[in-house]
């Protein structure tokens, strides 16, 4: 389990990587998988 600080850093990196990226419908599964595994886990 990540600390709040680790989650905040991971969320900022995730947001930077996804900013302005891709086709919303086509990338939604990848988006959610990455969000849940990289930020929340």
PDB file of N, CA and C in Angstrom:
ATOM      1  N   UNK A   1       0.842  -1.180   0.000  1.00  0.00           N
ATOM      2  CA  UNK A   1       0.000   0.000   0.000  1.00  0.00           C
ATOM      3  C   UNK A   1       0.889   1.246   0.000  1.00  0.00           C
ATOM      4  N   UNK A   2       0.546   2.182  -0.842  1.00  0.00           N
ATOM      5  CA  UNK A   2       1.314   3.420  -0.947  1.00  0.00           C
ATOM      6  C   UNK A   2       0.874   4.416   0.116  1.00  0.00           C
ATOM      7  N   UNK A   3       1.812   5.274   0.500  1.00  0.00           N
ATOM      8  CA  UNK A   3       1.472   6.366   1.409  1.00  0.00           C
ATOM      9  C   UNK A   3       0.732   7.444   0.613  1.00  0.00           C
ATOM     10  N   UNK A   4       0.141   8.379   1.318  1.00  0.00           N
ATOM     11  CA  UNK A   4      -0.554   9.478   0.642  1.00  0.00           C
ATOM     12  C   UNK A   4       0.401  10.268  -0.249  1.00  0.00           C
ATOM     13  N   UNK A   5       1.617  10.477   0.235  1.00  0.00           N
ATOM     14  CA  UNK A   5       2.601  11.229  -0.543  1.00  0.00           C
ATOM     15  C   UNK A   5       2.990  10.463  -1.812  1.00  0.00           C
ATOM     16  N   UNK A   6       3.202   9.164  -1.702  1.00  0.00           N
ATOM     17  CA  UNK A   6       3.540   8.347  -2.875  1.00  0.00           C
ATOM     18  C   UNK A   6       2.401   8.364  -3.897  1.00  0.00           C
ATOM     19  N   UNK A   7       1.167   8.305  -3.402  1.00  0.00           N
ATOM     20  CA  UNK A   7       0.008   8.349  -4.300  1.00  0.00           C
ATOM     21  C   UNK A   7      -0.090   9.705  -4.991  1.00  0.00           C
ATOM     22  N   UNK A   8       0.201  10.777  -4.272  1.00  0.00           N
ATOM     23  CA  UNK A   8       0.152  12.116  -4.861  1.00  0.00           C
ATOM     24  C   UNK A   8       1.205  12.267  -5.958  1.00  0.00           C
ATOM     25  N   UNK A   9       2.396  11.753  -5.717  1.00  0.00           N
ATOM     26  CA  UNK A   9       3.463  11.813  -6.720  1.00  0.00           C
ATOM     27  C   UNK A   9       3.072  10.978  -7.933  1.00  0.00           C
ATOM     28  N   UNK A  10       2.572   9.771  -7.696  1.00  0.00           N
ATOM     29  CA  UNK A  10       2.157   8.892  -8.794  1.00  0.00           C
ATOM     30  C   UNK A  10       1.014   9.517  -9.584  1.00  0.00           C
ATOM     31  N   UNK A  11       0.080  10.159  -8.902  1.00  0.00           N
ATOM     32  CA  UNK A  11      -1.048  10.814  -9.577  1.00  0.00           C
ATOM     33  C   UNK A  11      -0.572  11.971 -10.445  1.00  0.00           C
ATOM     34  N   UNK A  12       0.371  12.747  -9.957  1.00  0.00           N
ATOM     35  CA  UNK A  12       0.901  13.868 -10.743  1.00  0.00           C
ATOM     36  C   UNK A  12       1.623  13.366 -11.987  1.00  0.00           C
ATOM     37  N   UNK A  13       2.417  12.313 -11.842  1.00  0.00           N
ATOM     38  CA  UNK A  13       3.112  11.731 -12.991  1.00  0.00           C
ATOM     39  C   UNK A  13       2.110  11.158 -14.001  1.00  0.00           C
ATOM     40  N   UNK A  14       1.093  10.499 -13.490  1.00  0.00           N
ATOM     41  CA  UNK A  14       0.047   9.918 -14.332  1.00  0.00           C
ATOM     42  C   UNK A  14      -0.675  11.022 -15.112  1.00  0.00           C
ATOM     43  N   UNK A  15      -1.053  12.081 -14.429  1.00  0.00           N
ATOM     44  CA  UNK A  15      -1.764  13.188 -15.074  1.00  0.00           C
ATOM     45  C   UNK A  15      -0.911  13.846 -16.151  1.00  0.00           C
ATOM     46  N   UNK A  16       0.373  14.018 -15.873  1.00  0.00           N
ATOM     47  CA  UNK A  16       1.285  14.622 -16.847  1.00  0.00           C
ATOM     48  C   UNK A  16       1.388  13.738 -18.094  1.00  0.00           C
ATOM     49  N   UNK A  17       1.495  12.429 -17.881  1.00  0.00           N
ATOM     50  CA  UNK A  17       1.633  11.495 -18.991  1.00  0.00           C
ATOM     51  C   UNK A  17       0.364  11.429 -19.845  1.00  0.00           C
ATOM     52  N   UNK A  18      -0.800  11.578 -19.240  1.00  0.00           N
ATOM     53  CA  UNK A  18      -2.063  11.451 -19.957  1.00  0.00           C
ATOM     54  C   UNK A  18      -2.613  12.768 -20.486  1.00  0.00           C
ATOM     55  N   UNK A  19      -2.025  13.883 -20.114  1.00  0.00           N
ATOM     56  CA  UNK A  19      -2.536  15.187 -20.542  1.00  0.00           C
ATOM     57  C   UNK A  19      -2.583  15.266 -22.069  1.00  0.00           C
ATOM     58  N   UNK A  20      -3.770  15.534 -22.599  1.00  0.00           N
ATOM     59  CA  UNK A  20      -3.960  15.708 -24.029  1.00  0.00           C
ATOM     60  C   UNK A  20      -3.737  14.456 -24.867  1.00  0.00           C
ATOM     61  N   UNK A  21      -3.767  13.307 -24.249  1.00  0.00           N
ATOM     62  CA  UNK A  21      -3.442  12.070 -24.939  1.00  0.00           C
ATOM     63  C   UNK A  21      -4.684  11.345 -25.443  1.00  0.00           C
ATOM     64  N   UNK A  22      -4.611  10.894 -26.653  1.00  0.00           N
ATOM     65  CA  UNK A  22      -5.492   9.868 -27.182  1.00  0.00           C
ATOM     66  C   UNK A  22      -6.964  10.163 -27.356  1.00  0.00           C
ATOM     67  N   UNK A  23      -7.598   9.120 -27.758  1.00  0.00           N
ATOM     68  CA  UNK A  23      -9.021   9.080 -28.046  1.00  0.00           C
ATOM     69  C   UNK A  23      -9.735   8.565 -26.808  1.00  0.00           C
ATOM     70  N   UNK A  24     -10.616   9.372 -26.245  1.00  0.00           N
ATOM     71  CA  UNK A  24     -11.218   9.053 -24.956  1.00  0.00           C
ATOM     72  C   UNK A  24     -11.857   7.668 -24.915  1.00  0.00           C
ATOM     73  N   UNK A  25     -12.710   7.349 -25.874  1.00  0.00           N
ATOM     74  CA  UNK A  25     -13.376   6.043 -25.861  1.00  0.00           C
ATOM     75  C   UNK A  25     -12.393   4.904 -26.095  1.00  0.00           C
ATOM     76  N   UNK A  26     -11.479   5.104 -27.030  1.00  0.00           N
ATOM     77  CA  UNK A  26     -10.535   4.046 -27.373  1.00  0.00           C
ATOM     78  C   UNK A  26      -9.482   3.791 -26.319  1.00  0.00           C
ATOM     79  N   UNK A  27      -9.165   4.785 -25.513  1.00  0.00           N
ATOM     80  CA  UNK A  27      -8.118   4.651 -24.506  1.00  0.00           C
ATOM     81  C   UNK A  27      -8.661   4.483 -23.089  1.00  0.00           C
ATOM     82  N   UNK A  28      -9.965   4.399 -22.927  1.00  0.00           N
ATOM     83  CA  UNK A  28     -10.526   4.379 -21.576  1.00  0.00           C
ATOM     84  C   UNK A  28     -10.087   3.160 -20.772  1.00  0.00           C
ATOM     85  N   UNK A  29     -10.022   1.998 -21.387  1.00  0.00           N
ATOM     86  CA  UNK A  29      -9.613   0.807 -20.645  1.00  0.00           C
ATOM     87  C   UNK A  29      -8.160   0.917 -20.196  1.00  0.00           C
ATOM     88  N   UNK A  30      -7.293   1.383 -21.068  1.00  0.00           N
ATOM     89  CA  UNK A  30      -5.885   1.567 -20.715  1.00  0.00           C
ATOM     90  C   UNK A  30      -5.757   2.625 -19.619  1.00  0.00           C
ATOM     91  N   UNK A  31      -6.502   3.721 -19.763  1.00  0.00           N
ATOM     92  CA  UNK A  31      -6.477   4.800 -18.772  1.00  0.00           C
ATOM     93  C   UNK A  31      -6.808   4.264 -17.382  1.00  0.00           C
ATOM     94  N   UNK A  32      -7.929   3.569 -17.269  1.00  0.00           N
ATOM     95  CA  UNK A  32      -8.363   3.071 -15.965  1.00  0.00           C
ATOM     96  C   UNK A  32      -7.428   2.008 -15.411  1.00  0.00           C
ATOM     97  N   UNK A  33      -6.929   1.149 -16.282  1.00  0.00           N
ATOM     98  CA  UNK A  33      -5.990   0.117 -15.812  1.00  0.00           C
ATOM     99  C   UNK A  33      -4.734   0.768 -15.258  1.00  0.00           C
ATOM    100  N   UNK A  34      -4.176   1.738 -15.978  1.00  0.00           N
ATOM    101  CA  UNK A  34      -2.976   2.418 -15.495  1.00  0.00           C
ATOM    102  C   UNK A  34      -3.258   3.210 -14.221  1.00  0.00           C
ATOM    103  N   UNK A  35      -4.384   3.893 -14.176  1.00  0.00           N
ATOM    104  CA  UNK A  35      -4.725   4.674 -12.976  1.00  0.00           C
ATOM    105  C   UNK A  35      -4.807   3.766 -11.756  1.00  0.00           C
ATOM    106  N   UNK A  36      -5.513   2.680 -11.885  1.00  0.00           N
ATOM    107  CA  UNK A  36      -5.703   1.797 -10.730  1.00  0.00           C
ATOM    108  C   UNK A  36      -4.434   1.060 -10.325  1.00  0.00           C
ATOM    109  N   UNK A  37      -3.607   0.685 -11.288  1.00  0.00           N
ATOM    110  CA  UNK A  37      -2.402  -0.066 -10.937  1.00  0.00           C
ATOM    111  C   UNK A  37      -1.231   0.830 -10.542  1.00  0.00           C
ATOM    112  N   UNK A  38      -1.117   1.996 -11.158  1.00  0.00           N
ATOM    113  CA  UNK A  38       0.036   2.856 -10.890  1.00  0.00           C
ATOM    114  C   UNK A  38      -0.199   3.863  -9.777  1.00  0.00           C
ATOM    115  N   UNK A  39      -1.423   4.308  -9.617  1.00  0.00           N
ATOM    116  CA  UNK A  39      -1.692   5.346  -8.614  1.00  0.00           C
ATOM    117  C   UNK A  39      -2.330   4.752  -7.359  1.00  0.00           C
ATOM    118  N   UNK A  40      -3.325   3.925  -7.532  1.00  0.00           N
ATOM    119  CA  UNK A  40      -4.096   3.442  -6.400  1.00  0.00           C
ATOM    120  C   UNK A  40      -3.498   2.210  -5.696  1.00  0.00           C
ATOM    121  N   UNK A  41      -2.741   1.424  -6.412  1.00  0.00           N
ATOM    122  CA  UNK A  41      -2.226   0.168  -5.826  1.00  0.00           C
ATOM    123  C   UNK A  41      -0.981   0.398  -5.010  1.00  0.00           C
TER     124      UNK A  41
END
